[in-house]
Amino acid sequence: MNSSWVIKNSPYEMLDIAFKRLFPSVKYTAYFEPNIRDDEHGEKVRGLTDFADDGEITIFLDSELSVNDTVEIFAHELAHAGVGVEQGHNELWQKAFDDLFN
């Protein structure tokens, strides 16, 4: 038997669709990561975006978080992917986050 299933209201897919509309030329790969690394100060990280030297963008989300938390963290990390690492959490990043999350 061949079966497949689709979650019709996946918040992750909705964010991906919004991201593609806002940043059509930016590509990324995202993973749930059970062993997400700590930040440079040893603090627990809930999500991170890695900008590789070759231009590849990889998003990691803490797999131990609830769906509600990971959706917000995913939007946060997608905003970084969309505007670039150099923007930090400035106004451009905030607008991208707001546009994605809304």
PDB file of N, CA and C in Angstrom:
ATOM      1  N   MET A   1       0.841  -1.181   0.000  1.00  0.00           N
ATOM      2  CA  MET A   1       0.000   0.000   0.000  1.00  0.00           C
ATOM      3  C   MET A   1       0.884   1.242   0.000  1.00  0.00           C
ATOM      4  N   ASN A   2       0.588   2.141  -0.858  1.00  0.00           N
ATOM      5  CA  ASN A   2       1.338   3.382  -0.964  1.00  0.00           C
ATOM      6  C   ASN A   2       0.544   4.472  -0.252  1.00  0.00           C
ATOM      7  N   SER A   3       1.108   5.013   0.799  1.00  0.00           N
ATOM      8  CA  SER A   3       0.392   6.073   1.505  1.00  0.00           C
ATOM      9  C   SER A   3       1.282   7.298   1.617  1.00  0.00           C
ATOM     10  N   SER A   4       0.659   8.423   1.643  1.00  0.00           N
ATOM     11  CA  SER A   4       1.354   9.680   1.888  1.00  0.00           C
ATOM     12  C   SER A   4       0.406  10.569   2.668  1.00  0.00           C
ATOM     13  N   TRP A   5       0.996  11.497   3.349  1.00  0.00           N
ATOM     14  CA  TRP A   5       0.171  12.409   4.130  1.00  0.00           C
ATOM     15  C   TRP A   5       0.771  13.802   4.054  1.00  0.00           C
ATOM     16  N   VAL A   6      -0.085  14.771   4.232  1.00  0.00           N
ATOM     17  CA  VAL A   6       0.328  16.164   4.203  1.00  0.00           C
ATOM     18  C   VAL A   6      -0.392  16.879   5.334  1.00  0.00           C
ATOM     19  N   ILE A   7       0.338  17.653   6.071  1.00  0.00           N
ATOM     20  CA  ILE A   7      -0.289  18.504   7.077  1.00  0.00           C
ATOM     21  C   ILE A   7      -0.702  19.786   6.370  1.00  0.00           C
ATOM     22  N   LYS A   8      -1.985  20.002   6.279  1.00  0.00           N
ATOM     23  CA  LYS A   8      -2.534  21.104   5.483  1.00  0.00           C
ATOM     24  C   LYS A   8      -2.263  22.483   6.072  1.00  0.00           C
ATOM     25  N   ASN A   9      -2.054  22.567   7.378  1.00  0.00           N
ATOM     26  CA  ASN A   9      -1.842  23.876   7.993  1.00  0.00           C
ATOM     27  C   ASN A   9      -0.496  23.947   8.721  1.00  0.00           C
ATOM     28  N   SER A  10       0.534  23.365   8.126  1.00  0.00           N
ATOM     29  CA  SER A  10       1.849  23.369   8.753  1.00  0.00           C
ATOM     30  C   SER A  10       2.386  24.795   8.868  1.00  0.00           C
ATOM     31  N   PRO A  11       2.659  25.263  10.070  1.00  0.00           N
ATOM     32  CA  PRO A  11       3.195  26.623  10.210  1.00  0.00           C
ATOM     33  C   PRO A  11       4.584  26.752   9.599  1.00  0.00           C
ATOM     34  N   TYR A  12       5.321  25.655   9.529  1.00  0.00           N
ATOM     35  CA  TYR A  12       6.649  25.702   8.913  1.00  0.00           C
ATOM     36  C   TYR A  12       6.533  25.931   7.412  1.00  0.00           C
ATOM     37  N   GLU A  13       5.586  25.251   6.789  1.00  0.00           N
ATOM     38  CA  GLU A  13       5.373  25.445   5.355  1.00  0.00           C
ATOM     39  C   GLU A  13       4.868  26.858   5.074  1.00  0.00           C
ATOM     40  N   MET A  14       3.994  27.369   5.936  1.00  0.00           N
ATOM     41  CA  MET A  14       3.493  28.729   5.758  1.00  0.00           C
ATOM     42  C   MET A  14       4.633  29.744   5.834  1.00  0.00           C
ATOM     43  N   LEU A  15       5.560  29.538   6.777  1.00  0.00           N
ATOM     44  CA  LEU A  15       6.717  30.429   6.869  1.00  0.00           C
ATOM     45  C   LEU A  15       7.599  30.311   5.637  1.00  0.00           C
ATOM     46  N   ASP A  16       7.789  29.096   5.149  1.00  0.00           N
ATOM     47  CA  ASP A  16       8.600  28.895   3.943  1.00  0.00           C
ATOM     48  C   ASP A  16       7.982  29.611   2.754  1.00  0.00           C
ATOM     49  N   ILE A  17       6.679  29.534   2.608  1.00  0.00           N
ATOM     50  CA  ILE A  17       5.988  30.222   1.511  1.00  0.00           C
ATOM     51  C   ILE A  17       6.174  31.727   1.638  1.00  0.00           C
ATOM     52  N   ALA A  18       5.992  32.267   2.845  1.00  0.00           N
ATOM     53  CA  ALA A  18       6.183  33.706   3.069  1.00  0.00           C
ATOM     54  C   ALA A  18       7.624  34.110   2.760  1.00  0.00           C
ATOM     55  N   PHE A  19       8.576  33.289   3.192  1.00  0.00           N
ATOM     56  CA  PHE A  19       9.990  33.576   2.942  1.00  0.00           C
ATOM     57  C   PHE A  19      10.269  33.628   1.440  1.00  0.00           C
ATOM     58  N   LYS A  20       9.757  32.662   0.695  1.00  0.00           N
ATOM     59  CA  LYS A  20       9.995  32.618  -0.749  1.00  0.00           C
ATOM     60  C   LYS A  20       9.383  33.817  -1.452  1.00  0.00           C
ATOM     61  N   ARG A  21       8.285  34.332  -0.936  1.00  0.00           N
ATOM     62  CA  ARG A  21       7.675  35.532  -1.517  1.00  0.00           C
ATOM     63  C   ARG A  21       8.517  36.768  -1.226  1.00  0.00           C
ATOM     64  N   LEU A  22       9.047  36.845  -0.001  1.00  0.00           N
ATOM     65  CA  LEU A  22       9.840  38.010   0.396  1.00  0.00           C
ATOM     66  C   LEU A  22      11.263  37.978  -0.144  1.00  0.00           C
ATOM     67  N   PHE A  23      11.852  36.787  -0.214  1.00  0.00           N
ATOM     68  CA  PHE A  23      13.256  36.635  -0.605  1.00  0.00           C
ATOM     69  C   PHE A  23      13.389  35.517  -1.646  1.00  0.00           C
ATOM     70  N   PRO A  24      12.850  35.732  -2.853  1.00  0.00           N
ATOM     71  CA  PRO A  24      12.797  34.643  -3.828  1.00  0.00           C
ATOM     72  C   PRO A  24      14.154  34.107  -4.274  1.00  0.00           C
ATOM     73  N   SER A  25      15.200  34.878  -4.156  1.00  0.00           N
ATOM     74  CA  SER A  25      16.515  34.417  -4.623  1.00  0.00           C
ATOM     75  C   SER A  25      17.352  33.769  -3.520  1.00  0.00           C
ATOM     76  N   VAL A  26      16.856  33.777  -2.284  1.00  0.00           N
ATOM     77  CA  VAL A  26      17.627  33.230  -1.159  1.00  0.00           C
ATOM     78  C   VAL A  26      17.205  31.785  -0.903  1.00  0.00           C
ATOM     79  N   LYS A  27      18.178  30.902  -0.890  1.00  0.00           N
ATOM     80  CA  LYS A  27      17.938  29.484  -0.630  1.00  0.00           C
ATOM     81  C   LYS A  27      18.526  29.117   0.730  1.00  0.00           C
ATOM     82  N   TYR A  28      17.866  28.217   1.412  1.00  0.00           N
ATOM     83  CA  TYR A  28      18.342  27.750   2.711  1.00  0.00           C
ATOM     84  C   TYR A  28      17.945  26.289   2.894  1.00  0.00           C
ATOM     85  N   THR A  29      18.578  25.665   3.858  1.00  0.00           N
ATOM     86  CA  THR A  29      18.208  24.327   4.310  1.00  0.00           C
ATOM     87  C   THR A  29      17.983  24.436   5.809  1.00  0.00           C
ATOM     88  N   ALA A  30      16.937  23.786   6.327  1.00  0.00           N
ATOM     89  CA  ALA A  30      16.644  23.848   7.761  1.00  0.00           C
ATOM     90  C   ALA A  30      16.563  22.449   8.346  1.00  0.00           C
ATOM     91  N   TYR A  31      17.028  22.344   9.583  1.00  0.00           N
ATOM     92  CA  TYR A  31      17.040  21.067  10.298  1.00  0.00           C
ATOM     93  C   TYR A  31      16.563  21.258  11.732  1.00  0.00           C
ATOM     94  N   PHE A  32      15.870  20.256  12.245  1.00  0.00           N
ATOM     95  CA  PHE A  32      15.677  20.154  13.688  1.00  0.00           C
ATOM     96  C   PHE A  32      16.935  19.482  14.220  1.00  0.00           C
ATOM     97  N   GLU A  33      17.532  20.075  15.233  1.00  0.00           N
ATOM     98  CA  GLU A  33      18.816  19.594  15.731  1.00  0.00           C
ATOM     99  C   GLU A  33      18.720  19.249  17.219  1.00  0.00           C
ATOM    100  N   PRO A  34      18.848  17.958  17.555  1.00  0.00           N
ATOM    101  CA  PRO A  34      18.779  17.571  18.971  1.00  0.00           C
ATOM    102  C   PRO A  34      20.012  17.984  19.768  1.00  0.00           C
ATOM    103  N   ASN A  35      21.125  18.231  19.101  1.00  0.00           N
ATOM    104  CA  ASN A  35      22.365  18.598  19.793  1.00  0.00           C
ATOM    105  C   ASN A  35      22.865  19.956  19.337  1.00  0.00           C
ATOM    106  N   ILE A  36      21.964  20.928  19.307  1.00  0.00           N
ATOM    107  CA  ILE A  36      22.328  22.264  18.838  1.00  0.00           C
ATOM    108  C   ILE A  36      23.426  22.822  19.742  1.00  0.00           C
ATOM    109  N   ARG A  37      24.398  23.455  19.129  1.00  0.00           N
ATOM    110  CA  ARG A  37      25.553  23.936  19.897  1.00  0.00           C
ATOM    111  C   ARG A  37      25.206  25.172  20.717  1.00  0.00           C
ATOM    112  N   ASP A  38      25.958  25.382  21.782  1.00  0.00           N
ATOM    113  CA  ASP A  38      25.796  26.573  22.610  1.00  0.00           C
ATOM    114  C   ASP A  38      26.408  27.772  21.894  1.00  0.00           C
ATOM    115  N   ASP A  39      26.034  28.976  22.321  1.00  0.00           N
ATOM    116  CA  ASP A  39      26.633  30.161  21.716  1.00  0.00           C
ATOM    117  C   ASP A  39      28.052  30.360  22.251  1.00  0.00           C
ATOM    118  N   GLU A  40      28.683  31.430  21.819  1.00  0.00           N
ATOM    119  CA  GLU A  40      30.082  31.681  22.193  1.00  0.00           C
ATOM    120  C   GLU A  40      30.270  31.943  23.684  1.00  0.00           C
ATOM    121  N   HIS A  41      29.186  32.203  24.395  1.00  0.00           N
ATOM    122  CA  HIS A  41      29.248  32.434  25.842  1.00  0.00           C
ATOM    123  C   HIS A  41      28.806  31.208  26.637  1.00  0.00           C
ATOM    124  N   GLY A  42      28.560  30.102  25.943  1.00  0.00           N
ATOM    125  CA  GLY A  42      28.136  28.876  26.600  1.00  0.00           C
ATOM    126  C   GLY A  42      26.652  28.815  26.918  1.00  0.00           C
ATOM    127  N   GLU A  43      25.886  29.788  26.413  1.00  0.00           N
ATOM    128  CA  GLU A  43      24.443  29.826  26.647  1.00  0.00           C
ATOM    129  C   GLU A  43      23.723  28.905  25.665  1.00  0.00           C
ATOM    130  N   LYS A  44      22.634  28.288  26.120  1.00  0.00           N
ATOM    131  CA  LYS A  44      21.832  27.397  25.276  1.00  0.00           C
ATOM    132  C   LYS A  44      21.233  28.176  24.118  1.00  0.00           C
ATOM    133  N   VAL A  45      21.340  27.621  22.934  1.00  0.00           N
ATOM    134  CA  VAL A  45      20.805  28.235  21.724  1.00  0.00           C
ATOM    135  C   VAL A  45      19.530  27.497  21.343  1.00  0.00           C
ATOM    136  N   ARG A  46      18.501  28.243  20.957  1.00  0.00           N
ATOM    137  CA  ARG A  46      17.244  27.635  20.529  1.00  0.00           C
ATOM    138  C   ARG A  46      17.163  27.536  19.015  1.00  0.00           C
ATOM    139  N   GLY A  47      17.936  28.349  18.338  1.00  0.00           N
ATOM    140  CA  GLY A  47      18.001  28.317  16.884  1.00  0.00           C
ATOM    141  C   GLY A  47      19.210  29.097  16.424  1.00  0.00           C
ATOM    142  N   LEU A  48      19.729  28.742  15.269  1.00  0.00           N
ATOM    143  CA  LEU A  48      20.844  29.502  14.709  1.00  0.00           C
ATOM    144  C   LEU A  48      20.856  29.372  13.204  1.00  0.00           C
ATOM    145  N   THR A  49      21.427  30.386  12.582  1.00  0.00           N
ATOM    146  CA  THR A  49      21.595  30.389  11.134  1.00  0.00           C
ATOM    147  C   THR A  49      23.073  30.426  10.832  1.00  0.00           C
ATOM    148  N   ASP A  50      23.519  29.463  10.047  1.00  0.00           N
ATOM    149  CA  ASP A  50      24.927  29.363   9.674  1.00  0.00           C
ATOM    150  C   ASP A  50      25.087  29.847   8.243  1.00  0.00           C
ATOM    151  N   PHE A  51      25.930  30.858   8.046  1.00  0.00           N
ATOM    152  CA  PHE A  51      26.237  31.387   6.727  1.00  0.00           C
ATOM    153  C   PHE A  51      27.612  30.860   6.340  1.00  0.00           C
ATOM    154  N   ALA A  52      27.659  29.854   5.485  1.00  0.00           N
ATOM    155  CA  ALA A  52      28.924  29.245   5.074  1.00  0.00           C
ATOM    156  C   ALA A  52      29.656  30.156   4.084  1.00  0.00           C
ATOM    157  N   ASP A  53      30.953  29.994   4.017  1.00  0.00           N
ATOM    158  CA  ASP A  53      31.768  30.789   3.100  1.00  0.00           C
ATOM    159  C   ASP A  53      31.361  30.612   1.643  1.00  0.00           C
ATOM    160  N   ASP A  54      30.805  29.446   1.310  1.00  0.00           N
ATOM    161  CA  ASP A  54      30.391  29.188  -0.076  1.00  0.00           C
ATOM    162  C   ASP A  54      28.999  29.740  -0.395  1.00  0.00           C
ATOM    163  N   GLY A  55      28.392  30.460   0.565  1.00  0.00           N
ATOM    164  CA  GLY A  55      27.084  31.064   0.351  1.00  0.00           C
ATOM    165  C   GLY A  55      25.919  30.219   0.821  1.00  0.00           C
ATOM    166  N   GLU A  56      26.194  28.978   1.222  1.00  0.00           N
ATOM    167  CA  GLU A  56      25.118  28.112   1.703  1.00  0.00           C
ATOM    168  C   GLU A  56      24.611  28.615   3.056  1.00  0.00           C
ATOM    169  N   ILE A  57      23.284  28.623   3.201  1.00  0.00           N
ATOM    170  CA  ILE A  57      22.650  29.053   4.451  1.00  0.00           C
ATOM    171  C   ILE A  57      21.949  27.846   5.062  1.00  0.00           C
ATOM    172  N   THR A  58      22.291  27.560   6.319  1.00  0.00           N
ATOM    173  CA  THR A  58      21.680  26.435   7.025  1.00  0.00           C
ATOM    174  C   THR A  58      21.094  26.935   8.331  1.00  0.00           C
ATOM    175  N   ILE A  59      19.842  26.579   8.564  1.00  0.00           N
ATOM    176  CA  ILE A  59      19.144  26.946   9.795  1.00  0.00           C
ATOM    177  C   ILE A  59      19.002  25.701  10.647  1.00  0.00           C
ATOM    178  N   PHE A  60      19.303  25.843  11.930  1.00  0.00           N
ATOM    179  CA  PHE A  60      19.146  24.761  12.901  1.00  0.00           C
ATOM    180  C   PHE A  60      18.156  25.207  13.963  1.00  0.00           C
ATOM    181  N   LEU A  61      17.203  24.329  14.285  1.00  0.00           N
ATOM    182  CA  LEU A  61      16.190  24.598  15.307  1.00  0.00           C
ATOM    183  C   LEU A  61      16.285  23.537  16.388  1.00  0.00           C
ATOM    184  N   ASP A  62      16.252  23.960  17.636  1.00  0.00           N
ATOM    185  CA  ASP A  62      16.304  23.035  18.766  1.00  0.00           C
ATOM    186  C   ASP A  62      15.107  22.102  18.695  1.00  0.00           C
ATOM    187  N   SER A  63      15.358  20.822  18.564  1.00  0.00           N
ATOM    188  CA  SER A  63      14.279  19.844  18.396  1.00  0.00           C
ATOM    189  C   SER A  63      13.513  19.571  19.683  1.00  0.00           C
ATOM    190  N   GLU A  64      13.974  20.102  20.796  1.00  0.00           N
ATOM    191  CA  GLU A  64      13.288  19.872  22.066  1.00  0.00           C
ATOM    192  C   GLU A  64      12.231  20.925  22.377  1.00  0.00           C
ATOM    193  N   LEU A  65      12.080  21.918  21.518  1.00  0.00           N
ATOM    194  CA  LEU A  65      11.105  22.983  21.751  1.00  0.00           C
ATOM    195  C   LEU A  65       9.717  22.563  21.288  1.00  0.00           C
ATOM    196  N   SER A  66       8.713  23.254  21.804  1.00  0.00           N
ATOM    197  CA  SER A  66       7.334  23.019  21.350  1.00  0.00           C
ATOM    198  C   SER A  66       7.166  23.561  19.933  1.00  0.00           C
ATOM    199  N   VAL A  67       6.118  23.139  19.272  1.00  0.00           N
ATOM    200  CA  VAL A  67       5.832  23.642  17.924  1.00  0.00           C
ATOM    201  C   VAL A  67       5.687  25.156  17.959  1.00  0.00           C
ATOM    202  N   ASN A  68       4.943  25.689  18.914  1.00  0.00           N
ATOM    203  CA  ASN A  68       4.756  27.141  18.992  1.00  0.00           C
ATOM    204  C   ASN A  68       6.086  27.871  19.099  1.00  0.00           C
ATOM    205  N   ASP A  69       6.991  27.367  19.930  1.00  0.00           N
ATOM    206  CA  ASP A  69       8.295  28.009  20.086  1.00  0.00           C
ATOM    207  C   ASP A  69       9.133  27.887  18.819  1.00  0.00           C
ATOM    208  N   THR A  70       9.129  26.711  18.197  1.00  0.00           N
ATOM    209  CA  THR A  70       9.966  26.552  17.004  1.00  0.00           C
ATOM    210  C   THR A  70       9.461  27.397  15.841  1.00  0.00           C
ATOM    211  N   VAL A  71       8.171  27.646  15.769  1.00  0.00           N
ATOM    212  CA  VAL A  71       7.649  28.496  14.697  1.00  0.00           C
ATOM    213  C   VAL A  71       8.208  29.912  14.848  1.00  0.00           C
ATOM    214  N   GLU A  72       8.198  30.449  16.049  1.00  0.00           N
ATOM    215  CA  GLU A  72       8.743  31.787  16.265  1.00  0.00           C
ATOM    216  C   GLU A  72      10.257  31.810  16.023  1.00  0.00           C
ATOM    217  N   ILE A  73      10.964  30.796  16.508  1.00  0.00           N
ATOM    218  CA  ILE A  73      12.407  30.721  16.295  1.00  0.00           C
ATOM    219  C   ILE A  73      12.722  30.562  14.807  1.00  0.00           C
ATOM    220  N   PHE A  74      11.934  29.758  14.092  1.00  0.00           N
ATOM    221  CA  PHE A  74      12.130  29.586  12.660  1.00  0.00           C
ATOM    222  C   PHE A  74      11.959  30.924  11.932  1.00  0.00           C
ATOM    223  N   ALA A  75      10.919  31.688  12.278  1.00  0.00           N
ATOM    224  CA  ALA A  75      10.715  33.010  11.673  1.00  0.00           C
ATOM    225  C   ALA A  75      11.910  33.914  11.969  1.00  0.00           C
ATOM    226  N   HIS A  76      12.407  33.855  13.200  1.00  0.00           N
ATOM    227  CA  HIS A  76      13.572  34.641  13.615  1.00  0.00           C
ATOM    228  C   HIS A  76      14.782  34.302  12.735  1.00  0.00           C
ATOM    229  N   GLU A  77      15.054  33.012  12.581  1.00  0.00           N
ATOM    230  CA  GLU A  77      16.213  32.572  11.804  1.00  0.00           C
ATOM    231  C   GLU A  77      16.009  32.836  10.311  1.00  0.00           C
ATOM    232  N   LEU A  78      14.790  32.682   9.800  1.00  0.00           N
ATOM    233  CA  LEU A  78      14.527  33.009   8.401  1.00  0.00           C
ATOM    234  C   LEU A  78      14.767  34.488   8.120  1.00  0.00           C
ATOM    235  N   ALA A  79      14.430  35.348   9.077  1.00  0.00           N
ATOM    236  CA  ALA A  79      14.704  36.781   8.912  1.00  0.00           C
ATOM    237  C   ALA A  79      16.206  37.014   8.762  1.00  0.00           C
ATOM    238  N   HIS A  80      17.012  36.315   9.564  1.00  0.00           N
ATOM    239  CA  HIS A  80      18.471  36.424   9.414  1.00  0.00           C
ATOM    240  C   HIS A  80      18.898  35.958   8.025  1.00  0.00           C
ATOM    241  N   ALA A  81      18.368  34.826   7.576  1.00  0.00           N
ATOM    242  CA  ALA A  81      18.720  34.296   6.263  1.00  0.00           C
ATOM    243  C   ALA A  81      18.340  35.282   5.160  1.00  0.00           C
ATOM    244  N   GLY A  82      17.203  35.921   5.318  1.00  0.00           N
ATOM    245  CA  GLY A  82      16.718  36.836   4.289  1.00  0.00           C
ATOM    246  C   GLY A  82      17.508  38.120   4.163  1.00  0.00           C
ATOM    247  N   VAL A  83      17.876  38.710   5.301  1.00  0.00           N
ATOM    248  CA  VAL A  83      18.544  40.018   5.252  1.00  0.00           C
ATOM    249  C   VAL A  83      20.057  39.920   5.325  1.00  0.00           C
ATOM    250  N   GLY A  84      20.584  38.775   5.741  1.00  0.00           N
ATOM    251  CA  GLY A  84      22.031  38.594   5.801  1.00  0.00           C
ATOM    252  C   GLY A  84      22.594  38.740   7.195  1.00  0.00           C
ATOM    253  N   VAL A  85      23.706  38.099   7.403  1.00  0.00           N
ATOM    254  CA  VAL A  85      24.344  38.044   8.715  1.00  0.00           C
ATOM    255  C   VAL A  85      24.767  39.418   9.219  1.00  0.00           C
ATOM    256  N   GLU A  86      25.139  40.303   8.308  1.00  0.00           N
ATOM    257  CA  GLU A  86      25.657  41.610   8.711  1.00  0.00           C
ATOM    258  C   GLU A  86      24.596  42.522   9.321  1.00  0.00           C
ATOM    259  N   GLN A  87      23.323  42.186   9.187  1.00  0.00           N
ATOM    260  CA  GLN A  87      22.249  43.042   9.683  1.00  0.00           C
ATOM    261  C   GLN A  87      21.959  42.879  11.171  1.00  0.00           C
ATOM    262  N   GLY A  88      22.407  41.769  11.763  1.00  0.00           N
ATOM    263  CA  GLY A  88      22.133  41.554  13.185  1.00  0.00           C
ATOM    264  C   GLY A  88      20.643  41.573  13.453  1.00  0.00           C
ATOM    265  N   HIS A  89      20.255  42.348  14.464  1.00  0.00           N
ATOM    266  CA  HIS A  89      18.833  42.505  14.796  1.00  0.00           C
ATOM    267  C   HIS A  89      18.411  43.969  14.592  1.00  0.00           C
ATOM    268  N   ASN A  90      18.851  44.549  13.488  1.00  0.00           N
ATOM    269  CA  ASN A  90      18.542  45.957  13.234  1.00  0.00           C
ATOM    270  C   ASN A  90      17.116  46.113  12.682  1.00  0.00           C
ATOM    271  N   GLU A  91      16.792  47.317  12.223  1.00  0.00           N
ATOM    272  CA  GLU A  91      15.440  47.602  11.731  1.00  0.00           C
ATOM    273  C   GLU A  91      15.089  46.766  10.496  1.00  0.00           C
ATOM    274  N   LEU A  92      16.049  46.537   9.604  1.00  0.00           N
ATOM    275  CA  LEU A  92      15.796  45.721   8.423  1.00  0.00           C
ATOM    276  C   LEU A  92      15.452  44.292   8.829  1.00  0.00           C
ATOM    277  N   TRP A  93      16.206  43.751   9.794  1.00  0.00           N
ATOM    278  CA  TRP A  93      15.910  42.406  10.295  1.00  0.00           C
ATOM    279  C   TRP A  93      14.525  42.386  10.949  1.00  0.00           C
ATOM    280  N   GLN A  94      14.216  43.395  11.776  1.00  0.00           N
ATOM    281  CA  GLN A  94      12.934  43.449  12.479  1.00  0.00           C
ATOM    282  C   GLN A  94      11.775  43.476  11.491  1.00  0.00           C
ATOM    283  N   LYS A  95      11.914  44.257  10.401  1.00  0.00           N
ATOM    284  CA  LYS A  95      10.856  44.302   9.388  1.00  0.00           C
ATOM    285  C   LYS A  95      10.684  42.932   8.733  1.00  0.00           C
ATOM    286  N   ALA A  96      11.796  42.275   8.411  1.00  0.00           N
ATOM    287  CA  ALA A  96      11.714  40.947   7.797  1.00  0.00           C
ATOM    288  C   ALA A  96      11.033  39.962   8.752  1.00  0.00           C
ATOM    289  N   PHE A  97      11.410  40.003  10.029  1.00  0.00           N
ATOM    290  CA  PHE A  97      10.795  39.119  11.018  1.00  0.00           C
ATOM    291  C   PHE A  97       9.293  39.388  11.098  1.00  0.00           C
ATOM    292  N   ASP A  98       8.913  40.651  11.215  1.00  0.00           N
ATOM    293  CA  ASP A  98       7.494  41.006  11.309  1.00  0.00           C
ATOM    294  C   ASP A  98       6.721  40.554  10.064  1.00  0.00           C
ATOM    295  N   ASP A  99       7.309  40.764   8.889  1.00  0.00           N
ATOM    296  CA  ASP A  99       6.639  40.366   7.632  1.00  0.00           C
ATOM    297  C   ASP A  99       6.472  38.847   7.575  1.00  0.00           C
ATOM    298  N   LEU A 100       7.483  38.115   8.010  1.00  0.00           N
ATOM    299  CA  LEU A 100       7.388  36.652   8.005  1.00  0.00           C
ATOM    300  C   LEU A 100       6.394  36.158   9.042  1.00  0.00           C
ATOM    301  N   PHE A 101       6.468  36.677  10.234  1.00  0.00           N
ATOM    302  CA  PHE A 101       5.655  36.170  11.332  1.00  0.00           C
ATOM    303  C   PHE A 101       4.185  36.529  11.178  1.00  0.00           C
ATOM    304  N   ASN A 102       3.909  37.629  10.489  1.00  0.00           N
ATOM    305  CA  ASN A 102       2.518  38.038  10.269  1.00  0.00           C
ATOM    306  C   ASN A 102       1.945  37.305   9.068  1.00  0.00           C
TER     307      ASN A 102
END
